[in-house]
């Protein structure tokens, strides 16, 4: 599988509705799974309160099941709990998003691995127009429309932004172990083979905040 090109990522961002446009740089610059992105709260962004390190804390995901209210549950596995450095392009995108769509505090159920539940007040970064949790299905509708508008192949998924993020890390000289930690994988064998080939497309656009080369994954990221 060949990761998305820089131009394709930018086209996706331009095609997404404004309320959810920042989901694209979030995926491309930090690599969360879609459920982790939908469960991101303001206090996990490093922006409010301000954090000198500017890191994202990924330690939960939004879970929506038929007949149940949405809740914040643990991530996919223990290794999925991670801190991810936030580059400037992501910090700026999130800051712009939070300014345009200020989140309102709302109660939501939290649940741990043992099934224990509690209620907490959070500020979800991404919501629907009513300020409610953004479901995966609703986001998926907007995503598929954006994929079509951007002229990307049918079937391009949010998960492809994780591949893009991994290719950025590899291209910038990060080890497979670092990529593993950033993506929340349990082992390095889940991640990438070091084999990769660089093309001229990314290098030909120095003004873009994204630079990358293609990489060959050994499995799904």
N, C-alpha and C. Protein backbone atom coordinates (compact mmCIF):
# COMPACT_ATOMS: atom_id res chain seq x y z
N UNK A 1 0.84 -1.19 0.00
CA UNK A 1 0.00 0.00 0.00
C UNK A 1 0.88 1.24 0.00
N UNK A 2 0.62 2.15 -0.93
CA UNK A 2 1.38 3.39 -1.01
C UNK A 2 0.65 4.47 -0.22
N UNK A 3 1.34 5.17 0.69
CA UNK A 3 0.68 6.22 1.47
C UNK A 3 0.16 7.34 0.59
N UNK A 4 -0.77 8.09 1.12
CA UNK A 4 -1.30 9.25 0.41
C UNK A 4 -0.18 10.24 0.11
N UNK A 5 -0.33 10.97 -0.99
CA UNK A 5 0.60 12.04 -1.32
C UNK A 5 0.21 13.30 -0.56
N UNK A 6 1.17 14.20 -0.40
CA UNK A 6 0.92 15.47 0.29
C UNK A 6 -0.27 16.19 -0.33
N UNK A 7 -0.28 16.22 -1.66
CA UNK A 7 -1.35 16.94 -2.35
C UNK A 7 -2.71 16.33 -2.06
N UNK A 8 -2.76 15.03 -1.89
CA UNK A 8 -4.03 14.37 -1.59
C UNK A 8 -4.51 14.71 -0.18
N UNK A 9 -3.57 14.77 0.76
CA UNK A 9 -3.94 15.16 2.13
C UNK A 9 -4.49 16.58 2.15
N UNK A 10 -3.82 17.48 1.44
CA UNK A 10 -4.28 18.87 1.39
C UNK A 10 -5.65 18.97 0.73
N UNK A 11 -5.86 18.17 -0.33
CA UNK A 11 -7.16 18.19 -1.01
C UNK A 11 -8.26 17.67 -0.10
N UNK A 12 -7.96 16.65 0.69
CA UNK A 12 -8.94 16.14 1.64
C UNK A 12 -9.33 17.21 2.65
N UNK A 13 -8.32 17.91 3.19
CA UNK A 13 -8.60 18.96 4.15
C UNK A 13 -9.48 20.05 3.56
N UNK A 14 -9.20 20.42 2.32
CA UNK A 14 -9.99 21.47 1.67
C UNK A 14 -11.42 21.03 1.41
N UNK A 15 -11.62 19.73 1.21
CA UNK A 15 -12.95 19.22 0.87
C UNK A 15 -13.81 18.93 2.10
N UNK A 16 -13.20 18.80 3.27
CA UNK A 16 -13.97 18.47 4.47
C UNK A 16 -14.79 19.67 4.94
N UNK A 17 -15.96 19.45 5.54
CA UNK A 17 -16.72 20.55 6.15
C UNK A 17 -15.87 21.24 7.21
N UNK A 18 -16.04 22.55 7.32
CA UNK A 18 -15.22 23.32 8.24
C UNK A 18 -15.20 22.80 9.66
N UNK A 19 -16.35 22.32 10.14
CA UNK A 19 -16.44 21.86 11.53
C UNK A 19 -15.52 20.67 11.80
N UNK A 20 -15.19 19.90 10.77
CA UNK A 20 -14.39 18.69 10.98
C UNK A 20 -13.10 18.71 10.15
N UNK A 21 -12.78 19.86 9.58
CA UNK A 21 -11.59 19.94 8.71
C UNK A 21 -10.31 19.61 9.47
N UNK A 22 -10.24 20.00 10.74
CA UNK A 22 -9.02 19.76 11.51
C UNK A 22 -8.78 18.28 11.79
N UNK A 23 -9.76 17.43 11.53
CA UNK A 23 -9.55 15.99 11.66
C UNK A 23 -8.48 15.51 10.69
N UNK A 24 -8.33 16.20 9.56
CA UNK A 24 -7.34 15.76 8.56
C UNK A 24 -5.91 16.02 9.04
N UNK A 25 -5.54 17.25 9.40
CA UNK A 25 -4.19 17.42 9.94
C UNK A 25 -3.95 16.64 11.22
N UNK A 26 -5.00 16.42 12.02
CA UNK A 26 -4.83 15.60 13.21
C UNK A 26 -4.38 14.19 12.82
N UNK A 27 -5.06 13.59 11.86
CA UNK A 27 -4.70 12.25 11.43
C UNK A 27 -3.35 12.19 10.75
N UNK A 28 -3.06 13.21 9.93
CA UNK A 28 -1.82 13.20 9.16
C UNK A 28 -0.60 13.56 9.98
N UNK A 29 -0.77 14.31 11.07
CA UNK A 29 0.37 14.79 11.85
C UNK A 29 0.50 14.13 13.22
N UNK A 30 -0.46 13.28 13.59
CA UNK A 30 -0.38 12.60 14.88
C UNK A 30 -0.79 11.14 14.80
N UNK A 31 -1.51 10.75 13.75
CA UNK A 31 -1.82 9.35 13.52
C UNK A 31 -2.79 8.66 14.45
N UNK A 32 -3.78 9.35 15.04
CA UNK A 32 -4.74 8.62 15.88
C UNK A 32 -5.67 7.76 15.03
N UNK A 33 -6.19 6.72 15.64
CA UNK A 33 -7.30 6.00 15.01
C UNK A 33 -8.51 6.92 15.04
N UNK A 34 -9.49 6.67 14.16
CA UNK A 34 -10.62 7.58 14.06
C UNK A 34 -11.37 7.67 15.39
N UNK A 35 -11.53 6.56 16.10
CA UNK A 35 -12.24 6.60 17.38
C UNK A 35 -11.45 7.39 18.43
N UNK A 36 -10.12 7.36 18.34
CA UNK A 36 -9.28 8.15 19.24
C UNK A 36 -9.41 9.64 18.92
N UNK A 37 -9.48 9.97 17.63
CA UNK A 37 -9.65 11.36 17.23
C UNK A 37 -11.00 11.90 17.69
N UNK A 38 -12.05 11.09 17.53
CA UNK A 38 -13.39 11.52 17.92
C UNK A 38 -13.51 11.66 19.44
N UNK A 39 -12.68 10.94 20.18
CA UNK A 39 -12.70 11.02 21.64
C UNK A 39 -11.73 12.04 22.21
N UNK A 40 -11.04 12.79 21.35
CA UNK A 40 -10.07 13.77 21.83
C UNK A 40 -10.78 14.92 22.56
N UNK A 41 -10.28 15.26 23.73
CA UNK A 41 -10.83 16.38 24.50
C UNK A 41 -9.78 17.48 24.60
N UNK A 42 -10.26 18.69 24.86
CA UNK A 42 -9.39 19.86 24.84
C UNK A 42 -8.22 19.71 25.79
N UNK A 43 -8.46 19.13 26.96
CA UNK A 43 -7.39 19.00 27.94
C UNK A 43 -6.31 18.01 27.51
N UNK A 44 -6.57 17.25 26.43
CA UNK A 44 -5.56 16.31 25.91
C UNK A 44 -4.80 16.89 24.72
N UNK A 45 -5.08 18.13 24.32
CA UNK A 45 -4.43 18.70 23.14
C UNK A 45 -3.14 19.45 23.45
N UNK A 46 -2.91 19.79 24.72
CA UNK A 46 -1.74 20.59 25.06
C UNK A 46 -1.95 22.07 24.83
N UNK A 47 -3.17 22.45 24.41
CA UNK A 47 -3.47 23.85 24.12
C UNK A 47 -4.16 24.55 25.27
N UNK A 48 -4.98 23.83 26.02
CA UNK A 48 -5.75 24.44 27.09
C UNK A 48 -5.95 23.41 28.21
N UNK A 49 -5.18 23.55 29.31
CA UNK A 49 -4.22 24.62 29.56
C UNK A 49 -2.98 24.46 28.68
N UNK A 50 -2.28 25.57 28.38
CA UNK A 50 -1.12 25.51 27.50
C UNK A 50 -0.05 24.58 28.05
N UNK A 51 0.56 23.82 27.16
CA UNK A 51 1.63 22.91 27.52
C UNK A 51 2.89 23.29 26.76
N UNK A 52 4.00 23.40 27.47
CA UNK A 52 5.25 23.77 26.82
C UNK A 52 5.69 22.70 25.83
N UNK A 53 5.32 21.45 26.11
CA UNK A 53 5.75 20.35 25.25
C UNK A 53 4.88 20.23 24.00
N UNK A 54 3.68 20.77 24.03
CA UNK A 54 2.74 20.67 22.91
C UNK A 54 2.63 19.23 22.43
N UNK A 55 2.13 18.39 23.29
CA UNK A 55 1.90 16.99 22.95
C UNK A 55 0.43 16.65 23.09
N UNK A 56 0.00 15.70 22.28
CA UNK A 56 -1.34 15.16 22.41
C UNK A 56 -1.28 13.96 23.36
N UNK A 57 -2.24 13.87 24.26
CA UNK A 57 -2.37 12.71 25.11
C UNK A 57 -3.48 11.85 24.55
N UNK A 58 -3.14 10.67 24.05
CA UNK A 58 -4.14 9.75 23.50
C UNK A 58 -4.27 8.60 24.48
N UNK A 59 -5.36 8.59 25.22
CA UNK A 59 -5.55 7.55 26.24
C UNK A 59 -6.99 7.06 26.34
N UNK A 60 -7.82 7.42 25.34
CA UNK A 60 -9.20 6.94 25.33
C UNK A 60 -9.77 7.12 23.94
N UNK A 61 -10.94 6.56 23.73
CA UNK A 61 -11.59 6.65 22.44
C UNK A 61 -13.09 6.80 22.63
N UNK A 62 -13.74 7.38 21.63
CA UNK A 62 -15.19 7.50 21.68
C UNK A 62 -15.80 6.20 21.20
N UNK A 63 -16.70 5.65 22.01
CA UNK A 63 -17.36 4.38 21.67
C UNK A 63 -18.85 4.65 21.53
N UNK A 64 -19.41 4.22 20.41
CA UNK A 64 -20.85 4.37 20.16
C UNK A 64 -21.41 3.01 19.80
N UNK A 65 -22.36 2.54 20.59
CA UNK A 65 -23.00 1.26 20.34
C UNK A 65 -24.50 1.46 20.22
N UNK A 66 -25.11 0.64 19.38
CA UNK A 66 -26.54 0.75 19.15
C UNK A 66 -27.32 0.64 20.46
N UNK A 67 -28.18 1.62 20.69
CA UNK A 67 -29.04 1.60 21.86
C UNK A 67 -28.38 2.12 23.12
N UNK A 68 -27.12 2.58 23.02
CA UNK A 68 -26.42 3.11 24.18
C UNK A 68 -25.93 4.53 23.88
N UNK A 69 -25.85 5.39 24.91
CA UNK A 69 -25.25 6.70 24.69
C UNK A 69 -23.75 6.55 24.45
N UNK A 70 -23.18 7.48 23.72
CA UNK A 70 -21.74 7.46 23.47
C UNK A 70 -20.99 7.57 24.79
N UNK A 71 -19.86 6.90 24.89
CA UNK A 71 -19.04 7.01 26.09
C UNK A 71 -17.56 7.03 25.72
N UNK A 72 -16.73 7.46 26.65
CA UNK A 72 -15.29 7.45 26.47
C UNK A 72 -14.73 6.19 27.12
N UNK A 73 -14.15 5.33 26.30
CA UNK A 73 -13.61 4.09 26.80
C UNK A 73 -12.11 4.01 26.60
N UNK A 74 -11.49 2.97 27.11
CA UNK A 74 -10.05 2.81 26.94
C UNK A 74 -9.70 2.59 25.48
N UNK A 75 -8.49 2.90 25.09
CA UNK A 75 -8.09 2.69 23.70
C UNK A 75 -7.98 1.22 23.37
N UNK A 76 -7.58 0.95 22.14
CA UNK A 76 -7.60 -0.41 21.60
C UNK A 76 -6.81 -1.40 22.46
N UNK A 77 -5.66 -0.99 22.94
CA UNK A 77 -4.82 -1.86 23.77
C UNK A 77 -3.97 -0.99 24.70
N UNK A 78 -3.28 -1.64 25.62
CA UNK A 78 -2.47 -0.91 26.59
C UNK A 78 -1.44 -0.02 25.90
N UNK A 79 -0.80 -0.51 24.85
CA UNK A 79 0.22 0.26 24.14
C UNK A 79 -0.36 1.47 23.42
N UNK A 80 -1.69 1.50 23.27
CA UNK A 80 -2.32 2.62 22.56
C UNK A 80 -2.34 3.90 23.38
N UNK A 81 -2.11 3.78 24.68
CA UNK A 81 -2.00 4.98 25.51
C UNK A 81 -0.63 5.62 25.25
N UNK A 82 -0.63 6.85 24.76
CA UNK A 82 0.62 7.43 24.33
C UNK A 82 0.55 8.95 24.30
N UNK A 83 1.72 9.57 24.33
CA UNK A 83 1.87 11.00 24.13
C UNK A 83 2.54 11.20 22.78
N UNK A 84 1.93 12.04 21.96
CA UNK A 84 2.42 12.26 20.60
C UNK A 84 2.80 13.73 20.43
N UNK A 85 4.04 14.04 20.04
CA UNK A 85 4.41 15.44 19.80
C UNK A 85 3.52 16.07 18.73
N UNK A 86 3.10 17.30 18.97
CA UNK A 86 2.24 17.99 18.02
C UNK A 86 3.06 19.01 17.23
N UNK A 87 3.29 18.79 15.94
CA UNK A 87 4.03 19.76 15.14
C UNK A 87 3.23 21.04 14.94
N UNK A 88 3.91 22.06 14.47
CA UNK A 88 3.27 23.37 14.34
C UNK A 88 2.02 23.32 13.47
N UNK A 89 2.07 22.56 12.37
CA UNK A 89 0.91 22.53 11.46
C UNK A 89 -0.32 22.01 12.19
N UNK A 90 -0.13 21.08 13.13
CA UNK A 90 -1.26 20.54 13.87
C UNK A 90 -1.70 21.50 14.97
N UNK A 91 -0.76 22.09 15.67
CA UNK A 91 -1.09 23.06 16.72
C UNK A 91 -1.92 24.20 16.13
N UNK A 92 -1.49 24.70 14.99
CA UNK A 92 -2.21 25.81 14.35
C UNK A 92 -3.59 25.38 13.89
N UNK A 93 -3.70 24.17 13.35
CA UNK A 93 -5.01 23.69 12.88
C UNK A 93 -5.98 23.51 14.04
N UNK A 94 -5.50 22.96 15.14
CA UNK A 94 -6.37 22.76 16.30
C UNK A 94 -6.75 24.09 16.93
N UNK A 95 -5.80 25.01 17.03
CA UNK A 95 -6.09 26.32 17.61
C UNK A 95 -7.14 27.06 16.77
N UNK A 96 -7.00 26.99 15.46
CA UNK A 96 -7.97 27.63 14.56
C UNK A 96 -9.34 26.97 14.70
N UNK A 97 -9.35 25.65 14.79
CA UNK A 97 -10.61 24.92 14.95
C UNK A 97 -11.31 25.29 16.25
N UNK A 98 -10.58 25.31 17.35
CA UNK A 98 -11.18 25.61 18.66
C UNK A 98 -11.66 27.05 18.73
N UNK A 99 -11.01 27.94 17.99
CA UNK A 99 -11.46 29.33 17.94
C UNK A 99 -12.76 29.45 17.14
N UNK A 100 -12.85 28.71 16.05
CA UNK A 100 -14.04 28.78 15.20
C UNK A 100 -15.21 28.00 15.77
N UNK A 101 -14.91 26.91 16.48
CA UNK A 101 -15.96 26.04 17.02
C UNK A 101 -15.66 25.76 18.50
N UNK A 102 -15.83 26.77 19.36
CA UNK A 102 -15.50 26.59 20.78
C UNK A 102 -16.35 25.48 21.40
N UNK A 103 -15.72 24.49 22.00
CA UNK A 103 -16.49 23.39 22.59
C UNK A 103 -17.14 23.81 23.90
N UNK A 104 -18.32 23.27 24.13
CA UNK A 104 -19.03 23.53 25.39
C UNK A 104 -18.85 22.32 26.31
N UNK A 105 -18.61 22.55 27.58
CA UNK A 105 -18.50 21.42 28.51
C UNK A 105 -19.79 20.60 28.50
N UNK A 106 -19.64 19.29 28.52
CA UNK A 106 -20.80 18.43 28.55
C UNK A 106 -20.48 17.17 29.34
N UNK A 107 -21.50 16.60 29.93
CA UNK A 107 -21.32 15.36 30.67
C UNK A 107 -21.27 14.18 29.71
N UNK A 108 -20.39 13.25 30.01
CA UNK A 108 -20.30 12.04 29.21
C UNK A 108 -19.86 10.90 30.13
N UNK A 109 -20.27 9.72 29.80
CA UNK A 109 -19.90 8.55 30.60
C UNK A 109 -18.49 8.11 30.24
N UNK A 110 -17.70 7.77 31.25
CA UNK A 110 -16.41 7.15 31.05
C UNK A 110 -16.48 5.70 31.48
N UNK A 111 -15.70 4.86 30.84
CA UNK A 111 -15.70 3.43 31.18
C UNK A 111 -14.28 2.89 31.09
N UNK A 112 -13.88 2.08 32.06
CA UNK A 112 -12.54 1.51 32.04
C UNK A 112 -12.56 0.07 31.55
N UNK A 113 -11.39 -0.57 31.52
CA UNK A 113 -11.27 -1.93 31.00
C UNK A 113 -12.11 -2.93 31.79
N UNK A 114 -12.33 -2.65 33.06
CA UNK A 114 -13.11 -3.57 33.89
C UNK A 114 -14.61 -3.34 33.77
N UNK A 115 -15.01 -2.35 32.98
CA UNK A 115 -16.43 -2.08 32.81
C UNK A 115 -17.01 -1.11 33.81
N UNK A 116 -16.16 -0.58 34.71
CA UNK A 116 -16.65 0.40 35.68
C UNK A 116 -16.93 1.72 34.96
N UNK A 117 -18.00 2.37 35.36
CA UNK A 117 -18.41 3.60 34.69
C UNK A 117 -18.49 4.75 35.67
N UNK A 118 -18.41 5.94 35.13
CA UNK A 118 -18.55 7.18 35.89
C UNK A 118 -18.98 8.27 34.92
N UNK A 119 -19.35 9.40 35.45
CA UNK A 119 -19.72 10.53 34.61
C UNK A 119 -18.71 11.65 34.83
N UNK A 120 -18.26 12.25 33.75
CA UNK A 120 -17.33 13.36 33.85
C UNK A 120 -17.75 14.46 32.89
N UNK A 121 -17.25 15.65 33.13
CA UNK A 121 -17.51 16.79 32.26
C UNK A 121 -16.29 17.02 31.39
N UNK A 122 -16.48 17.00 30.09
CA UNK A 122 -15.37 17.15 29.15
C UNK A 122 -15.73 18.18 28.08
N UNK A 123 -14.71 18.59 27.35
CA UNK A 123 -14.89 19.43 26.16
C UNK A 123 -14.36 18.66 24.97
N UNK A 124 -15.24 18.04 24.23
CA UNK A 124 -14.84 17.29 23.05
C UNK A 124 -14.38 18.25 21.96
N UNK A 125 -13.27 17.93 21.33
CA UNK A 125 -12.75 18.80 20.28
C UNK A 125 -13.66 18.77 19.06
N UNK A 126 -14.17 17.60 18.72
CA UNK A 126 -15.02 17.46 17.53
C UNK A 126 -16.42 17.00 17.94
N UNK A 127 -17.41 17.75 17.52
CA UNK A 127 -18.80 17.45 17.83
C UNK A 127 -19.66 17.69 16.59
N UNK A 128 -20.94 17.32 16.70
CA UNK A 128 -21.85 17.70 15.62
C UNK A 128 -22.32 19.13 15.85
N UNK A 129 -23.21 19.61 15.01
CA UNK A 129 -23.63 21.01 15.08
C UNK A 129 -24.38 21.32 16.38
N UNK A 130 -24.88 20.29 17.07
CA UNK A 130 -25.59 20.50 18.33
C UNK A 130 -24.66 20.36 19.54
N UNK A 131 -23.38 20.18 19.28
CA UNK A 131 -22.43 20.03 20.38
C UNK A 131 -22.39 18.64 20.98
N UNK A 132 -23.01 17.69 20.30
CA UNK A 132 -23.03 16.31 20.78
C UNK A 132 -21.83 15.54 20.23
N UNK A 133 -21.48 14.42 20.85
CA UNK A 133 -20.37 13.62 20.32
C UNK A 133 -20.57 13.31 18.84
N UNK A 134 -19.51 13.43 18.09
CA UNK A 134 -19.56 13.15 16.66
C UNK A 134 -19.39 11.65 16.45
N UNK A 135 -20.42 11.01 15.93
CA UNK A 135 -20.35 9.56 15.75
C UNK A 135 -19.49 9.21 14.55
N UNK A 136 -18.99 8.01 14.60
CA UNK A 136 -18.15 7.52 13.50
C UNK A 136 -18.94 7.47 12.19
N UNK A 137 -20.22 7.09 12.28
CA UNK A 137 -21.02 6.98 11.06
C UNK A 137 -21.25 8.35 10.44
N UNK A 138 -21.54 9.36 11.28
CA UNK A 138 -21.76 10.71 10.72
C UNK A 138 -20.47 11.27 10.13
N UNK A 139 -19.36 11.07 10.82
CA UNK A 139 -18.09 11.52 10.27
C UNK A 139 -17.78 10.78 8.98
N UNK A 140 -18.11 9.49 8.94
CA UNK A 140 -17.85 8.71 7.74
C UNK A 140 -18.57 9.23 6.52
N UNK A 141 -19.79 9.72 6.71
CA UNK A 141 -20.53 10.30 5.59
C UNK A 141 -19.80 11.50 5.02
N UNK A 142 -19.37 12.40 5.92
CA UNK A 142 -18.65 13.59 5.48
C UNK A 142 -17.31 13.22 4.85
N UNK A 143 -16.65 12.21 5.41
CA UNK A 143 -15.36 11.77 4.89
C UNK A 143 -15.50 11.23 3.46
N UNK A 144 -16.49 10.39 3.24
CA UNK A 144 -16.66 9.81 1.90
C UNK A 144 -16.98 10.89 0.88
N UNK A 145 -17.77 11.88 1.26
CA UNK A 145 -18.06 13.00 0.36
C UNK A 145 -16.78 13.76 0.03
N UNK A 146 -15.92 13.96 1.04
CA UNK A 146 -14.67 14.68 0.83
C UNK A 146 -13.72 13.89 -0.06
N UNK A 147 -13.68 12.57 0.14
CA UNK A 147 -12.83 11.72 -0.70
C UNK A 147 -13.24 11.86 -2.16
N UNK A 148 -14.55 11.84 -2.40
CA UNK A 148 -15.04 11.97 -3.78
C UNK A 148 -14.72 13.35 -4.34
N UNK A 149 -14.97 14.40 -3.55
CA UNK A 149 -14.71 15.76 -4.02
C UNK A 149 -13.23 15.99 -4.28
N UNK A 150 -12.37 15.37 -3.48
CA UNK A 150 -10.93 15.55 -3.63
C UNK A 150 -10.36 14.70 -4.76
N UNK A 151 -11.19 13.83 -5.34
CA UNK A 151 -10.74 13.00 -6.44
C UNK A 151 -9.86 11.84 -6.03
N UNK A 152 -9.99 11.40 -4.77
CA UNK A 152 -9.21 10.27 -4.28
C UNK A 152 -9.93 8.96 -4.60
N UNK A 153 -9.21 7.86 -4.60
CA UNK A 153 -9.85 6.58 -4.90
C UNK A 153 -10.94 6.24 -3.90
N UNK A 154 -12.02 5.66 -4.38
CA UNK A 154 -13.07 5.20 -3.48
C UNK A 154 -12.47 4.19 -2.51
N UNK A 155 -12.88 4.28 -1.26
CA UNK A 155 -12.34 3.38 -0.26
C UNK A 155 -11.20 3.99 0.54
N UNK A 156 -10.74 5.17 0.13
CA UNK A 156 -9.74 5.87 0.94
C UNK A 156 -10.34 6.15 2.31
N UNK A 157 -9.66 5.74 3.36
CA UNK A 157 -10.22 5.83 4.69
C UNK A 157 -9.40 6.76 5.59
N UNK A 158 -9.98 7.08 6.73
CA UNK A 158 -9.24 7.89 7.70
C UNK A 158 -7.98 7.17 8.15
N UNK A 159 -8.03 5.86 8.15
CA UNK A 159 -6.87 5.05 8.54
C UNK A 159 -5.68 5.32 7.63
N UNK A 160 -5.95 5.73 6.40
CA UNK A 160 -4.85 6.03 5.47
C UNK A 160 -4.01 7.20 5.95
N UNK A 161 -4.58 8.07 6.78
CA UNK A 161 -3.78 9.15 7.35
C UNK A 161 -2.75 8.61 8.33
N UNK A 162 -3.01 7.48 8.96
CA UNK A 162 -2.02 6.84 9.83
C UNK A 162 -0.83 6.35 9.01
N UNK A 163 -1.11 5.80 7.84
CA UNK A 163 -0.03 5.40 6.95
C UNK A 163 0.80 6.62 6.53
N UNK A 164 0.11 7.70 6.21
CA UNK A 164 0.80 8.93 5.83
C UNK A 164 1.70 9.41 6.96
N UNK A 165 1.17 9.42 8.18
CA UNK A 165 1.95 9.86 9.34
C UNK A 165 3.16 8.96 9.55
N UNK A 166 2.98 7.65 9.44
CA UNK A 166 4.10 6.73 9.60
C UNK A 166 5.16 6.97 8.54
N UNK A 167 4.74 7.26 7.32
CA UNK A 167 5.71 7.52 6.26
C UNK A 167 6.49 8.80 6.53
N UNK A 168 5.84 9.81 7.11
CA UNK A 168 6.55 11.03 7.49
C UNK A 168 7.64 10.74 8.51
N UNK A 169 7.30 9.94 9.51
CA UNK A 169 8.26 9.62 10.56
C UNK A 169 9.46 8.85 9.99
N UNK A 170 9.18 7.84 9.17
CA UNK A 170 10.25 7.06 8.57
C UNK A 170 11.11 7.95 7.68
N UNK A 171 10.47 8.80 6.89
CA UNK A 171 11.20 9.67 5.97
C UNK A 171 12.11 10.64 6.71
N UNK A 172 11.71 11.02 7.92
CA UNK A 172 12.51 11.94 8.71
C UNK A 172 13.50 11.23 9.63
N UNK A 173 13.70 9.94 9.39
CA UNK A 173 14.77 9.23 10.06
C UNK A 173 14.42 8.59 11.39
N UNK A 174 13.13 8.57 11.75
CA UNK A 174 12.74 7.93 13.01
C UNK A 174 12.85 6.41 12.89
N UNK A 175 13.19 5.78 13.99
CA UNK A 175 13.31 4.32 13.99
C UNK A 175 11.93 3.68 13.99
N UNK A 176 11.90 2.40 13.65
CA UNK A 176 10.64 1.67 13.68
C UNK A 176 10.07 1.65 15.10
N UNK A 177 10.94 1.60 16.11
CA UNK A 177 10.46 1.60 17.50
C UNK A 177 9.74 2.91 17.83
N UNK A 178 10.27 4.02 17.34
CA UNK A 178 9.61 5.31 17.57
C UNK A 178 8.25 5.33 16.88
N UNK A 179 8.22 4.87 15.63
CA UNK A 179 6.95 4.82 14.89
C UNK A 179 5.96 3.94 15.63
N UNK A 180 6.44 2.83 16.14
CA UNK A 180 5.58 1.92 16.91
C UNK A 180 4.93 2.64 18.09
N UNK A 181 5.74 3.39 18.85
CA UNK A 181 5.19 4.09 20.02
C UNK A 181 4.23 5.18 19.60
N UNK A 182 4.56 5.92 18.55
CA UNK A 182 3.69 7.01 18.12
C UNK A 182 2.33 6.51 17.66
N UNK A 183 2.30 5.33 17.06
CA UNK A 183 1.05 4.79 16.54
C UNK A 183 0.29 3.95 17.56
N UNK A 184 0.94 3.66 18.69
CA UNK A 184 0.27 2.87 19.71
C UNK A 184 0.19 1.40 19.39
N UNK A 185 1.23 0.89 18.71
CA UNK A 185 1.29 -0.53 18.40
C UNK A 185 1.90 -1.32 19.55
N UNK A 186 1.51 -2.56 19.65
CA UNK A 186 2.02 -3.41 20.72
C UNK A 186 3.43 -3.90 20.43
N UNK A 187 3.80 -4.01 19.15
CA UNK A 187 5.13 -4.49 18.80
C UNK A 187 5.59 -3.83 17.50
N UNK A 188 6.90 -3.84 17.30
CA UNK A 188 7.47 -3.24 16.09
C UNK A 188 7.07 -4.01 14.84
N UNK A 189 6.80 -5.31 14.97
CA UNK A 189 6.42 -6.09 13.80
C UNK A 189 5.08 -5.68 13.23
N UNK A 190 4.29 -4.97 14.03
CA UNK A 190 3.01 -4.45 13.53
C UNK A 190 3.22 -3.27 12.60
N UNK A 191 4.37 -2.67 12.65
CA UNK A 191 4.52 -1.32 12.13
C UNK A 191 4.98 -1.27 10.68
N UNK A 192 6.29 -1.20 10.46
CA UNK A 192 6.78 -0.98 9.11
C UNK A 192 8.06 -1.74 8.84
N UNK A 193 8.25 -2.13 7.61
CA UNK A 193 9.57 -2.54 7.15
C UNK A 193 10.36 -1.29 6.82
N UNK A 194 11.65 -1.25 7.05
CA UNK A 194 12.42 -0.05 6.75
C UNK A 194 12.56 0.24 5.27
N UNK A 195 12.13 -0.70 4.39
CA UNK A 195 12.23 -0.47 2.96
C UNK A 195 11.31 0.66 2.54
N UNK A 196 11.87 1.65 1.83
CA UNK A 196 11.07 2.78 1.36
C UNK A 196 11.76 3.42 0.17
N UNK A 197 10.99 4.08 -0.66
CA UNK A 197 11.54 4.76 -1.82
C UNK A 197 11.04 6.18 -1.84
N UNK A 198 11.95 7.11 -2.07
CA UNK A 198 11.58 8.52 -2.07
C UNK A 198 11.39 9.01 -3.48
N UNK A 199 10.36 9.82 -3.69
CA UNK A 199 10.09 10.38 -5.01
C UNK A 199 10.24 11.88 -5.00
N UNK A 200 10.17 12.52 -6.15
CA UNK A 200 10.41 13.95 -6.24
C UNK A 200 9.24 14.82 -5.84
N UNK A 201 8.03 14.25 -5.73
CA UNK A 201 6.85 15.08 -5.51
C UNK A 201 6.93 15.88 -4.23
N UNK A 202 7.26 15.23 -3.12
CA UNK A 202 7.29 15.93 -1.85
C UNK A 202 8.38 16.98 -1.82
N UNK A 203 9.53 16.70 -2.45
CA UNK A 203 10.64 17.62 -2.40
C UNK A 203 10.40 18.85 -3.27
N UNK A 204 9.46 18.73 -4.20
CA UNK A 204 9.25 19.82 -5.15
C UNK A 204 8.37 20.92 -4.59
N UNK A 205 7.89 20.76 -3.33
CA UNK A 205 6.97 21.75 -2.77
C UNK A 205 7.46 22.20 -1.40
N UNK A 206 8.57 22.99 -1.34
CA UNK A 206 9.14 23.36 -0.04
C UNK A 206 8.24 24.24 0.80
N UNK A 207 7.24 24.87 0.19
CA UNK A 207 6.37 25.79 0.95
C UNK A 207 5.36 25.03 1.80
N UNK A 208 5.10 23.78 1.47
CA UNK A 208 4.10 23.03 2.23
C UNK A 208 4.68 22.58 3.57
N UNK A 209 3.84 22.51 4.61
CA UNK A 209 4.34 22.02 5.90
C UNK A 209 4.58 20.52 5.91
N UNK A 210 4.14 19.85 4.86
CA UNK A 210 4.29 18.39 4.81
C UNK A 210 5.43 18.02 3.88
N UNK A 211 6.28 17.13 4.31
CA UNK A 211 7.24 16.50 3.42
C UNK A 211 7.20 15.02 3.72
N UNK A 212 7.34 14.20 2.69
CA UNK A 212 7.23 12.76 2.91
C UNK A 212 7.88 12.01 1.76
N UNK A 213 8.05 10.73 1.91
CA UNK A 213 8.38 9.83 0.82
C UNK A 213 7.50 8.62 0.96
N UNK A 214 7.40 7.81 -0.07
CA UNK A 214 6.55 6.63 0.00
C UNK A 214 7.25 5.58 0.83
N UNK A 215 6.48 4.74 1.48
CA UNK A 215 7.04 3.66 2.29
C UNK A 215 6.21 2.42 2.09
N UNK A 216 6.79 1.28 2.30
CA UNK A 216 6.10 0.02 2.09
C UNK A 216 5.81 -0.62 3.43
N UNK A 217 4.55 -0.65 3.86
CA UNK A 217 4.22 -1.25 5.15
C UNK A 217 4.19 -2.77 5.07
N UNK A 218 4.51 -3.41 6.15
CA UNK A 218 4.40 -4.86 6.20
C UNK A 218 3.02 -5.29 6.64
N UNK A 219 2.26 -4.37 7.23
CA UNK A 219 0.90 -4.70 7.68
C UNK A 219 0.13 -3.43 7.85
N UNK A 220 -1.14 -3.55 8.18
CA UNK A 220 -1.96 -2.38 8.43
C UNK A 220 -1.42 -1.61 9.63
N UNK A 221 -1.36 -0.29 9.51
CA UNK A 221 -0.92 0.55 10.63
C UNK A 221 -2.11 0.83 11.51
